[in-house]
Amino acid sequence: MGTVFAVKKYAIHDGTGIRTTVFFKGCPLACPWCHNPEGMDSEITLVWNADKCIGCGACVDGCAQQSLVFENHILKRDPGACNQCLHCTDICPALAHEAVGRQADVADIMAEIQKDRPFYDTSGGGVTFSGGEPLMQPDFLMALLKACGRAGIHRAVDTSCFTPSRVVLAMADLCELFLVDLKHMDSEMHQQYTGVPNEKIKKNIALLARKGHDIRVRIPLIEGFNTDEQNMRASAGFLASLPGIREIDLLPYHSTAKGKYKKMGLTDSSSRFAPVSTRQVDQCADIFKQHKLKVQVGG
């Protein structure tokens, strides 16, 4: 069993061809620009949408744990009393309650994956396991990778690589492609913004490259964090020194996740970041091209 929060059909930016992307819940990083805040928490999250609520009180009356109460037309949930039985999501006539995430087993996920098999076969696509951080659920991920392998489906893992090397290598033997984020070369800067240092990440990227695994490195471009020339040159030099890495994706930051933060009741720290200008993107791309790396902008 594992916990996922979405299964996206017809994905075209998560690896080769047309893909199905399975999003795992839970992430060890806390990037303030994250586009999938619903994947940060490893637990199933209950959210209440005030715009949908009709104030009928059915959820308050029906909660056996008495964890819900209306105060000044705002629904409040006592997290200590709530046992996440999800009854409120079942009885709300306006669908104002929503469970972000669900428990699933391998058969559940494989049934959804197999529905898109014709698209994989005609486009050279497959399945991408993303998140959150899929390597935080290694047993569930390994079981899915093995099931896809038996079915002859191309497998990709989208990861921060912030995990023990033994976990990375175990998964690498079961998939055809790693999509790895490289956010910053300076460990202190990396920890300041993401909450974790980067030595483990750089070590695992180098380890995968030197063992001949297929890796595609993706660099989010965050103005004020990592787009300065010094970091771009350090990133390009590091990647160009590794065998097999000849192509990278530059992913300019955009603010399309603001609605997700509001829905989740989370503080949106992304507002402190401005979209990267076209000129800045071109300057970053030129640095990587100088190191003989092929660049794709936008994934």
C-alpha atoms as a PDB file:
ATOM      1  CA  MET A   1       0.000   0.000   0.000  1.00  0.00           C
ATOM      2  CA  GLY A   2       1.040   3.585  -0.581  1.00  0.00           C
ATOM      3  CA  THR A   3      -0.329   7.126  -0.472  1.00  0.00           C
ATOM      4  CA  VAL A   4      -0.806   9.102  -3.681  1.00  0.00           C
ATOM      5  CA  PHE A   5      -2.555  12.378  -4.400  1.00  0.00           C
ATOM      6  CA  ALA A   6      -3.073  12.298  -8.169  1.00  0.00           C
ATOM      7  CA  VAL A   7      -2.744  10.226 -11.305  1.00  0.00           C
ATOM      8  CA  LYS A   8      -2.289  12.514 -14.295  1.00  0.00           C
ATOM      9  CA  LYS A   9      -3.182  11.266 -17.749  1.00  0.00           C
ATOM     10  CA  TYR A  10      -1.622  12.351 -21.036  1.00  0.00           C
ATOM     11  CA  ALA A  11       1.471  13.954 -19.468  1.00  0.00           C
ATOM     12  CA  ILE A  12       4.028  15.148 -22.017  1.00  0.00           C
ATOM     13  CA  HIS A  13       6.639  16.864 -19.816  1.00  0.00           C
ATOM     14  CA  ASP A  14       7.544  13.997 -17.482  1.00  0.00           C
ATOM     15  CA  GLY A  15       9.754  11.929 -19.756  1.00  0.00           C
ATOM     16  CA  THR A  16       9.616  10.580 -23.293  1.00  0.00           C
ATOM     17  CA  GLY A  17       6.353  10.318 -25.221  1.00  0.00           C
ATOM     18  CA  ILE A  18       2.875  10.396 -23.736  1.00  0.00           C
ATOM     19  CA  ARG A  19       2.889   9.306 -20.110  1.00  0.00           C
ATOM     20  CA  THR A  20       0.821   8.657 -17.039  1.00  0.00           C
ATOM     21  CA  THR A  21       2.273  10.403 -13.992  1.00  0.00           C
ATOM     22  CA  VAL A  22       1.583   8.999 -10.533  1.00  0.00           C
ATOM     23  CA  PHE A  23       2.092  11.554  -7.755  1.00  0.00           C
ATOM     24  CA  PHE A  24       3.215  10.218  -4.355  1.00  0.00           C
ATOM     25  CA  LYS A  25       2.531  12.138  -1.140  1.00  0.00           C
ATOM     26  CA  GLY A  26       5.352  13.239   1.138  1.00  0.00           C
ATOM     27  CA  CYS A  27       8.560  15.171   0.475  1.00  0.00           C
ATOM     28  CA  PRO A  28      11.690  15.744   2.605  1.00  0.00           C
ATOM     29  CA  LEU A  29      12.245  19.163   1.011  1.00  0.00           C
ATOM     30  CA  ALA A  30      10.232  22.319   1.678  1.00  0.00           C
ATOM     31  CA  CYS A  31      10.820  24.428  -1.428  1.00  0.00           C
ATOM     32  CA  PRO A  32       8.816  27.666  -1.133  1.00  0.00           C
ATOM     33  CA  TRP A  33       8.214  27.691  -4.905  1.00  0.00           C
ATOM     34  CA  CYS A  34       6.806  24.138  -4.971  1.00  0.00           C
ATOM     35  CA  HIS A  35       4.142  23.628  -7.652  1.00  0.00           C
ATOM     36  CA  ASN A  36       2.686  20.590  -5.860  1.00  0.00           C
ATOM     37  CA  PRO A  37       2.110  21.713  -2.247  1.00  0.00           C
ATOM     38  CA  GLU A  38      -0.510  18.993  -1.868  1.00  0.00           C
ATOM     39  CA  GLY A  39       2.369  16.512  -2.051  1.00  0.00           C
ATOM     40  CA  MET A  40       4.438  17.977   0.783  1.00  0.00           C
ATOM     41  CA  ASP A  41       2.659  16.211   3.666  1.00  0.00           C
ATOM     42  CA  SER A  42       2.962  12.430   3.716  1.00  0.00           C
ATOM     43  CA  GLU A  43      -0.482  12.050   5.308  1.00  0.00           C
ATOM     44  CA  ILE A  44      -3.888  12.344   3.684  1.00  0.00           C
ATOM     45  CA  THR A  45      -5.034  15.948   4.150  1.00  0.00           C
ATOM     46  CA  LEU A  46      -8.619  17.092   4.613  1.00  0.00           C
ATOM     47  CA  VAL A  47      -9.472  20.511   3.193  1.00  0.00           C
ATOM     48  CA  TRP A  48     -12.626  22.611   3.300  1.00  0.00           C
ATOM     49  CA  ASN A  49     -13.624  24.831   0.381  1.00  0.00           C
ATOM     50  CA  ALA A  50     -15.501  27.854   1.738  1.00  0.00           C
ATOM     51  CA  ASP A  51     -16.691  28.838  -1.745  1.00  0.00           C
ATOM     52  CA  LYS A  52     -18.590  25.563  -2.117  1.00  0.00           C
ATOM     53  CA  CYS A  53     -19.970  25.348   1.434  1.00  0.00           C
ATOM     54  CA  ILE A  54     -23.721  26.015   1.793  1.00  0.00           C
ATOM     55  CA  GLY A  55     -23.599  26.099   5.601  1.00  0.00           C
ATOM     56  CA  CYS A  56     -26.035  23.221   6.068  1.00  0.00           C
ATOM     57  CA  GLY A  57     -24.111  21.781   9.029  1.00  0.00           C
ATOM     58  CA  ALA A  58     -24.416  18.174   7.846  1.00  0.00           C
ATOM     59  CA  CYS A  59     -20.709  17.606   8.402  1.00  0.00           C
ATOM     60  CA  VAL A  60     -20.816  19.042  11.935  1.00  0.00           C
ATOM     61  CA  ASP A  61     -23.801  16.904  12.906  1.00  0.00           C
ATOM     62  CA  GLY A  62     -22.404  13.813  11.230  1.00  0.00           C
ATOM     63  CA  CYS A  63     -18.907  13.908  12.702  1.00  0.00           C
ATOM     64  CA  ALA A  64     -18.676  11.121  15.277  1.00  0.00           C
ATOM     65  CA  GLN A  65     -15.465  12.620  16.681  1.00  0.00           C
ATOM     66  CA  GLN A  66     -17.097  16.066  17.076  1.00  0.00           C
ATOM     67  CA  SER A  67     -14.021  17.579  15.450  1.00  0.00           C
ATOM     68  CA  LEU A  68     -15.924  20.149  13.349  1.00  0.00           C
ATOM     69  CA  VAL A  69     -17.513  23.425  14.404  1.00  0.00           C
ATOM     70  CA  PHE A  70     -18.698  26.594  12.648  1.00  0.00           C
ATOM     71  CA  GLU A  71     -17.391  29.865  14.072  1.00  0.00           C
ATOM     72  CA  ASN A  72     -18.487  33.081  12.349  1.00  0.00           C
ATOM     73  CA  HIS A  73     -19.401  31.126   9.201  1.00  0.00           C
ATOM     74  CA  ILE A  74     -15.922  29.541   9.093  1.00  0.00           C
ATOM     75  CA  LEU A  75     -15.581  25.796   9.540  1.00  0.00           C
ATOM     76  CA  LYS A  76     -12.851  24.801  11.956  1.00  0.00           C
ATOM     77  CA  ARG A  77     -11.456  21.309  12.372  1.00  0.00           C
ATOM     78  CA  ASP A  78      -9.795  20.057  15.563  1.00  0.00           C
ATOM     79  CA  PRO A  79      -6.824  18.043  14.235  1.00  0.00           C
ATOM     80  CA  GLY A  80      -6.446  16.317  17.594  1.00  0.00           C
ATOM     81  CA  ALA A  81      -9.993  14.970  17.489  1.00  0.00           C
ATOM     82  CA  CYS A  82     -10.225  14.217  13.749  1.00  0.00           C
ATOM     83  CA  ASN A  83      -9.259  10.630  12.893  1.00  0.00           C
ATOM     84  CA  GLN A  84      -9.506  11.202   9.126  1.00  0.00           C
ATOM     85  CA  CYS A  85     -12.374   8.778   8.680  1.00  0.00           C
ATOM     86  CA  LEU A  86     -13.374  10.895   5.631  1.00  0.00           C
ATOM     87  CA  HIS A  87     -17.061  10.700   6.548  1.00  0.00           C
ATOM     88  CA  CYS A  88     -17.380  14.471   6.008  1.00  0.00           C
ATOM     89  CA  THR A  89     -16.313  14.046   2.369  1.00  0.00           C
ATOM     90  CA  ASP A  90     -19.053  11.438   1.889  1.00  0.00           C
ATOM     91  CA  ILE A  91     -21.960  13.310   3.463  1.00  0.00           C
ATOM     92  CA  CYS A  92     -21.319  16.883   2.288  1.00  0.00           C
ATOM     93  CA  PRO A  93     -24.010  17.653  -0.343  1.00  0.00           C
ATOM     94  CA  ALA A  94     -21.972  20.534  -1.792  1.00  0.00           C
ATOM     95  CA  LEU A  95     -18.676  18.610  -1.994  1.00  0.00           C
ATOM     96  CA  ALA A  96     -17.028  21.314   0.131  1.00  0.00           C
ATOM     97  CA  HIS A  97     -14.907  18.730   1.947  1.00  0.00           C
ATOM     98  CA  GLU A  98     -12.100  17.086   0.012  1.00  0.00           C
ATOM     99  CA  ALA A  99      -9.493  14.486   0.887  1.00  0.00           C
ATOM    100  CA  VAL A 100      -6.148  15.358  -0.673  1.00  0.00           C
ATOM    101  CA  GLY A 101      -4.499  12.000  -1.136  1.00  0.00           C
ATOM    102  CA  ARG A 102      -5.680   8.415  -0.933  1.00  0.00           C
ATOM    103  CA  GLN A 103      -4.426   4.997   0.013  1.00  0.00           C
ATOM    104  CA  ALA A 104      -3.875   2.701  -2.950  1.00  0.00           C
ATOM    105  CA  ASP A 105      -2.346  -0.668  -3.619  1.00  0.00           C
ATOM    106  CA  VAL A 106      -0.322  -1.824  -6.599  1.00  0.00           C
ATOM    107  CA  ALA A 107      -3.347  -3.344  -8.326  1.00  0.00           C
ATOM    108  CA  ASP A 108      -5.290  -0.058  -8.052  1.00  0.00           C
ATOM    109  CA  ILE A 109      -2.518   1.994  -9.647  1.00  0.00           C
ATOM    110  CA  MET A 110      -1.676  -0.594 -12.293  1.00  0.00           C
ATOM    111  CA  ALA A 111      -5.327  -0.704 -13.377  1.00  0.00           C
ATOM    112  CA  GLU A 112      -5.176   3.044 -14.077  1.00  0.00           C
ATOM    113  CA  ILE A 113      -1.802   2.761 -15.806  1.00  0.00           C
ATOM    114  CA  GLN A 114      -2.938  -0.047 -18.095  1.00  0.00           C
ATOM    115  CA  LYS A 115      -5.855   2.061 -19.399  1.00  0.00           C
ATOM    116  CA  ASP A 116      -3.334   4.312 -21.159  1.00  0.00           C
ATOM    117  CA  ARG A 117      -1.280   1.496 -22.662  1.00  0.00           C
ATOM    118  CA  PRO A 118      -2.238   2.385 -26.277  1.00  0.00           C
ATOM    119  CA  PHE A 119      -0.773   5.893 -25.829  1.00  0.00           C
ATOM    120  CA  TYR A 120       2.530   4.485 -24.552  1.00  0.00           C
ATOM    121  CA  ASP A 121       2.800   2.037 -27.413  1.00  0.00           C
ATOM    122  CA  THR A 122       2.201   4.643 -30.126  1.00  0.00           C
ATOM    123  CA  SER A 123       4.307   7.473 -28.645  1.00  0.00           C
ATOM    124  CA  GLY A 124       7.200   5.707 -26.935  1.00  0.00           C
ATOM    125  CA  GLY A 125       5.833   6.850 -23.582  1.00  0.00           C
ATOM    126  CA  GLY A 126       5.232   5.135 -20.285  1.00  0.00           C
ATOM    127  CA  VAL A 127       4.796   5.829 -16.592  1.00  0.00           C
ATOM    128  CA  THR A 128       6.483   8.455 -14.417  1.00  0.00           C
ATOM    129  CA  PHE A 129       6.439   8.235 -10.636  1.00  0.00           C
ATOM    130  CA  SER A 130       6.627  11.714  -9.148  1.00  0.00           C
ATOM    131  CA  GLY A 131       5.462  13.622  -6.105  1.00  0.00           C
ATOM    132  CA  GLY A 132       6.150  14.824  -3.562  1.00  0.00           C
ATOM    133  CA  GLU A 133       9.079  12.445  -3.420  1.00  0.00           C
ATOM    134  CA  PRO A 134       8.396   8.864  -4.559  1.00  0.00           C
ATOM    135  CA  LEU A 135      11.570   7.566  -2.909  1.00  0.00           C
ATOM    136  CA  MET A 136      10.007   8.313   0.489  1.00  0.00           C
ATOM    137  CA  GLN A 137       7.784   5.264  -0.148  1.00  0.00           C
ATOM    138  CA  PRO A 138      10.466   2.856  -1.426  1.00  0.00           C
ATOM    139  CA  ASP A 139       8.572  -0.417  -0.943  1.00  0.00           C
ATOM    140  CA  PHE A 140       5.475   0.841  -2.751  1.00  0.00           C
ATOM    141  CA  LEU A 141       7.558   2.388  -5.520  1.00  0.00           C
ATOM    142  CA  MET A 142       9.629  -0.765  -5.976  1.00  0.00           C
ATOM    143  CA  ALA A 143       6.513  -2.917  -6.237  1.00  0.00           C
ATOM    144  CA  LEU A 144       5.058  -0.601  -8.892  1.00  0.00           C
ATOM    145  CA  LEU A 145       8.310  -0.494 -10.857  1.00  0.00           C
ATOM    146  CA  LYS A 146       8.457  -4.292 -10.878  1.00  0.00           C
ATOM    147  CA  ALA A 147       4.827  -4.542 -11.986  1.00  0.00           C
ATOM    148  CA  CYS A 148       5.423  -2.086 -14.832  1.00  0.00           C
ATOM    149  CA  GLY A 149       8.544  -3.991 -15.816  1.00  0.00           C
ATOM    150  CA  ARG A 150       6.615  -7.248 -16.050  1.00  0.00           C
ATOM    151  CA  ALA A 151       4.079  -5.448 -18.253  1.00  0.00           C
ATOM    152  CA  GLY A 152       6.802  -4.050 -20.513  1.00  0.00           C
ATOM    153  CA  ILE A 153       5.978  -0.419 -19.689  1.00  0.00           C
ATOM    154  CA  HIS A 154       8.714   2.244 -19.796  1.00  0.00           C
ATOM    155  CA  ARG A 155       9.425   3.537 -16.272  1.00  0.00           C
ATOM    156  CA  ALA A 156      10.711   6.921 -15.086  1.00  0.00           C
ATOM    157  CA  VAL A 157      11.256   8.217 -11.558  1.00  0.00           C
ATOM    158  CA  ASP A 158      11.103  11.966 -10.884  1.00  0.00           C
ATOM    159  CA  THR A 159      13.104  12.605  -7.713  1.00  0.00           C
ATOM    160  CA  SER A 160      15.110  15.115  -5.706  1.00  0.00           C
ATOM    161  CA  CYS A 161      17.653  12.314  -5.030  1.00  0.00           C
ATOM    162  CA  PHE A 162      17.676  13.341  -1.358  1.00  0.00           C
ATOM    163  CA  THR A 163      17.733   9.773  -0.091  1.00  0.00           C
ATOM    164  CA  PRO A 164      20.315   7.103   0.820  1.00  0.00           C
ATOM    165  CA  SER A 165      22.365   5.964  -2.174  1.00  0.00           C
ATOM    166  CA  ARG A 166      21.313   2.342  -1.651  1.00  0.00           C
ATOM    167  CA  VAL A 167      17.667   3.370  -2.258  1.00  0.00           C
ATOM    168  CA  VAL A 168      18.564   5.307  -5.414  1.00  0.00           C
ATOM    169  CA  LEU A 169      20.576   2.387  -6.834  1.00  0.00           C
ATOM    170  CA  ALA A 170      17.857  -0.152  -6.014  1.00  0.00           C
ATOM    171  CA  MET A 171      15.292   1.906  -7.944  1.00  0.00           C
ATOM    172  CA  ALA A 172      17.713   2.657 -10.788  1.00  0.00           C
ATOM    173  CA  ASP A 173      17.965  -1.048 -11.545  1.00  0.00           C
ATOM    174  CA  LEU A 174      14.190  -1.130 -12.005  1.00  0.00           C
ATOM    175  CA  CYS A 175      13.586   1.885 -14.232  1.00  0.00           C
ATOM    176  CA  GLU A 176      14.713   3.238 -17.591  1.00  0.00           C
ATOM    177  CA  LEU A 177      14.968   6.928 -16.738  1.00  0.00           C
ATOM    178  CA  PHE A 178      15.683   9.191 -13.778  1.00  0.00           C
ATOM    179  CA  LEU A 179      14.418  12.790 -13.800  1.00  0.00           C
ATOM    180  CA  VAL A 180      16.492  14.583 -11.174  1.00  0.00           C
ATOM    181  CA  ASP A 181      16.254  18.151  -9.897  1.00  0.00           C
ATOM    182  CA  LEU A 182      19.441  20.122  -9.267  1.00  0.00           C
ATOM    183  CA  LYS A 183      18.374  23.257  -7.422  1.00  0.00           C
ATOM    184  CA  HIS A 184      21.629  24.858  -6.231  1.00  0.00           C
ATOM    185  CA  MET A 185      25.315  23.953  -6.024  1.00  0.00           C
ATOM    186  CA  ASP A 186      25.973  25.681  -2.696  1.00  0.00           C
ATOM    187  CA  SER A 187      24.846  23.476   0.196  1.00  0.00           C
ATOM    188  CA  GLU A 188      24.193  26.316   2.646  1.00  0.00           C
ATOM    189  CA  MET A 189      22.064  28.165   0.128  1.00  0.00           C
ATOM    190  CA  HIS A 190      20.267  24.936  -0.718  1.00  0.00           C
ATOM    191  CA  GLN A 191      19.473  24.277   2.935  1.00  0.00           C
ATOM    192  CA  GLN A 192      18.372  27.853   3.562  1.00  0.00           C
ATOM    193  CA  TYR A 193      15.699  27.629   0.852  1.00  0.00           C
ATOM    194  CA  THR A 194      14.733  23.943   0.763  1.00  0.00           C
ATOM    195  CA  GLY A 195      15.399  22.860   4.341  1.00  0.00           C
ATOM    196  CA  VAL A 196      18.023  20.247   3.463  1.00  0.00           C
ATOM    197  CA  PRO A 197      21.696  20.346   2.352  1.00  0.00           C
ATOM    198  CA  ASN A 198      22.682  19.141  -1.113  1.00  0.00           C
ATOM    199  CA  GLU A 199      25.702  16.868  -0.627  1.00  0.00           C
ATOM    200  CA  LYS A 200      23.573  13.733  -0.759  1.00  0.00           C
ATOM    201  CA  ILE A 201      21.818  14.984  -3.906  1.00  0.00           C
ATOM    202  CA  LYS A 202      25.036  15.741  -5.803  1.00  0.00           C
ATOM    203  CA  LYS A 203      26.548  12.435  -4.679  1.00  0.00           C
ATOM    204  CA  ASN A 204      23.588  10.452  -5.979  1.00  0.00           C
ATOM    205  CA  ILE A 205      23.490  12.306  -9.310  1.00  0.00           C
ATOM    206  CA  ALA A 206      27.181  11.545  -9.823  1.00  0.00           C
ATOM    207  CA  LEU A 207      26.711   7.940  -8.719  1.00  0.00           C
ATOM    208  CA  LEU A 208      23.882   7.326 -11.169  1.00  0.00           C
ATOM    209  CA  ALA A 209      25.817   8.959 -14.015  1.00  0.00           C
ATOM    210  CA  ARG A 210      29.000   6.983 -13.381  1.00  0.00           C
ATOM    211  CA  LYS A 211      27.067   3.719 -13.262  1.00  0.00           C
ATOM    212  CA  GLY A 212      25.613   4.460 -16.691  1.00  0.00           C
ATOM    213  CA  HIS A 213      21.987   5.031 -15.747  1.00  0.00           C
ATOM    214  CA  ASP A 214      19.913   7.270 -18.005  1.00  0.00           C
ATOM    215  CA  ILE A 215      19.445  10.624 -16.252  1.00  0.00           C
ATOM    216  CA  ARG A 216      17.754  13.819 -17.304  1.00  0.00           C
ATOM    217  CA  VAL A 217      18.644  16.724 -15.010  1.00  0.00           C
ATOM    218  CA  ARG A 218      16.073  19.464 -14.504  1.00  0.00           C
ATOM    219  CA  ILE A 219      16.959  22.857 -13.040  1.00  0.00           C
ATOM    220  CA  PRO A 220      14.175  25.129 -11.783  1.00  0.00           C
ATOM    221  CA  LEU A 221      15.105  28.738 -12.488  1.00  0.00           C
ATOM    222  CA  ILE A 222      14.207  30.785  -9.419  1.00  0.00           C
ATOM    223  CA  GLU A 223      15.161  34.467  -9.571  1.00  0.00           C
ATOM    224  CA  GLY A 224      16.950  35.505  -6.388  1.00  0.00           C
ATOM    225  CA  PHE A 225      17.889  31.915  -5.578  1.00  0.00           C
ATOM    226  CA  ASN A 226      19.854  30.162  -8.296  1.00  0.00           C
ATOM    227  CA  THR A 227      19.913  32.143 -11.557  1.00  0.00           C
ATOM    228  CA  ASP A 228      23.108  34.087 -10.785  1.00  0.00           C
ATOM    229  CA  GLU A 229      26.056  33.474 -13.104  1.00  0.00           C
ATOM    230  CA  GLN A 230      28.227  31.907 -10.404  1.00  0.00           C
ATOM    231  CA  ASN A 231      25.711  29.189  -9.586  1.00  0.00           C
ATOM    232  CA  MET A 232      24.823  28.555 -13.225  1.00  0.00           C
ATOM    233  CA  ARG A 233      28.483  28.071 -14.142  1.00  0.00           C
ATOM    234  CA  ALA A 234      29.047  25.808 -11.145  1.00  0.00           C
ATOM    235  CA  SER A 235      25.979  23.737 -12.095  1.00  0.00           C
ATOM    236  CA  ALA A 236      27.029  23.477 -15.735  1.00  0.00           C
ATOM    237  CA  GLY A 237      30.593  22.518 -14.818  1.00  0.00           C
ATOM    238  CA  PHE A 238      29.409  19.814 -12.423  1.00  0.00           C
ATOM    239  CA  LEU A 239      26.999  18.254 -14.912  1.00  0.00           C
ATOM    240  CA  ALA A 240      29.392  18.482 -17.869  1.00  0.00           C
ATOM    241  CA  SER A 241      32.007  16.586 -15.829  1.00  0.00           C
ATOM    242  CA  LEU A 242      29.722  13.564 -15.461  1.00  0.00           C
ATOM    243  CA  PRO A 243      29.555  10.793 -18.072  1.00  0.00           C
ATOM    244  CA  GLY A 244      26.325  10.480 -19.996  1.00  0.00           C
ATOM    245  CA  ILE A 245      24.748  13.797 -19.023  1.00  0.00           C
ATOM    246  CA  ARG A 246      24.496  15.823 -22.195  1.00  0.00           C
ATOM    247  CA  GLU A 247      21.024  17.296 -22.019  1.00  0.00           C
ATOM    248  CA  ILE A 248      19.224  19.301 -19.319  1.00  0.00           C
ATOM    249  CA  ASP A 249      15.878  20.985 -18.816  1.00  0.00           C
ATOM    250  CA  LEU A 250      15.653  24.564 -17.571  1.00  0.00           C
ATOM    251  CA  LEU A 251      12.303  25.151 -15.865  1.00  0.00           C
ATOM    252  CA  PRO A 252      11.472  28.851 -15.387  1.00  0.00           C
ATOM    253  CA  TYR A 253       9.425  29.531 -12.243  1.00  0.00           C
ATOM    254  CA  HIS A 254       5.773  30.491 -12.669  1.00  0.00           C
ATOM    255  CA  SER A 255       3.102  31.259 -10.122  1.00  0.00           C
ATOM    256  CA  THR A 256       0.351  28.922 -11.301  1.00  0.00           C
ATOM    257  CA  ALA A 257       0.203  27.048  -7.973  1.00  0.00           C
ATOM    258  CA  LYS A 258      -1.206  29.963  -5.956  1.00  0.00           C
ATOM    259  CA  GLY A 259      -4.693  28.478  -6.019  1.00  0.00           C
ATOM    260  CA  LYS A 260      -3.384  25.222  -4.590  1.00  0.00           C
ATOM    261  CA  TYR A 261      -1.862  26.980  -1.580  1.00  0.00           C
ATOM    262  CA  LYS A 262      -5.154  28.755  -0.877  1.00  0.00           C
ATOM    263  CA  LYS A 263      -7.096  25.522  -1.175  1.00  0.00           C
ATOM    264  CA  MET A 264      -4.720  23.722   1.199  1.00  0.00           C
ATOM    265  CA  GLY A 265      -4.789  26.568   3.715  1.00  0.00           C
ATOM    266  CA  LEU A 266      -1.015  26.952   3.395  1.00  0.00           C
ATOM    267  CA  THR A 267       1.042  30.115   3.432  1.00  0.00           C
ATOM    268  CA  ASP A 268       2.049  30.940  -0.118  1.00  0.00           C
ATOM    269  CA  SER A 269       5.726  31.876   0.152  1.00  0.00           C
ATOM    270  CA  SER A 270       6.090  31.760  -3.614  1.00  0.00           C
ATOM    271  CA  SER A 271       4.890  35.375  -3.876  1.00  0.00           C
ATOM    272  CA  ARG A 272       8.418  36.520  -3.028  1.00  0.00           C
ATOM    273  CA  PHE A 273       9.667  35.054  -6.307  1.00  0.00           C
ATOM    274  CA  ALA A 274       9.163  36.825  -9.617  1.00  0.00           C
ATOM    275  CA  PRO A 275       8.950  35.005 -12.946  1.00  0.00           C
ATOM    276  CA  VAL A 276      12.317  34.782 -14.679  1.00  0.00           C
ATOM    277  CA  SER A 277      12.663  37.041 -17.694  1.00  0.00           C
ATOM    278  CA  THR A 278      13.245  35.642 -21.166  1.00  0.00           C
ATOM    279  CA  ARG A 279      16.617  37.376 -21.209  1.00  0.00           C
ATOM    280  CA  GLN A 280      17.636  35.697 -17.944  1.00  0.00           C
ATOM    281  CA  VAL A 281      16.566  32.297 -19.256  1.00  0.00           C
ATOM    282  CA  ASP A 282      18.620  32.821 -22.430  1.00  0.00           C
ATOM    283  CA  GLN A 283      21.672  33.824 -20.381  1.00  0.00           C
ATOM    284  CA  CYS A 284      21.379  30.693 -18.256  1.00  0.00           C
ATOM    285  CA  ALA A 285      20.921  28.511 -21.325  1.00  0.00           C
ATOM    286  CA  ASP A 286      24.032  30.017 -22.963  1.00  0.00           C
ATOM    287  CA  ILE A 287      26.166  29.035 -19.964  1.00  0.00           C
ATOM    288  CA  PHE A 288      25.142  25.399 -20.276  1.00  0.00           C
ATOM    289  CA  LYS A 289      25.626  25.442 -24.034  1.00  0.00           C
ATOM    290  CA  GLN A 290      29.182  26.701 -23.493  1.00  0.00           C
ATOM    291  CA  HIS A 291      29.773  23.454 -21.595  1.00  0.00           C
ATOM    292  CA  LYS A 292      28.537  21.428 -24.611  1.00  0.00           C
ATOM    293  CA  LEU A 293      25.226  20.597 -22.890  1.00  0.00           C
ATOM    294  CA  LYS A 294      22.043  20.557 -24.897  1.00  0.00           C
ATOM    295  CA  VAL A 295      19.334  22.679 -23.303  1.00  0.00           C
ATOM    296  CA  GLN A 296      15.569  22.434 -23.409  1.00  0.00           C
ATOM    297  CA  VAL A 297      13.507  25.170 -21.785  1.00  0.00           C
ATOM    298  CA  GLY A 298      10.250  24.189 -20.133  1.00  0.00           C
ATOM    299  CA  GLY A 299      10.725  20.460 -19.650  1.00  0.00           C
END
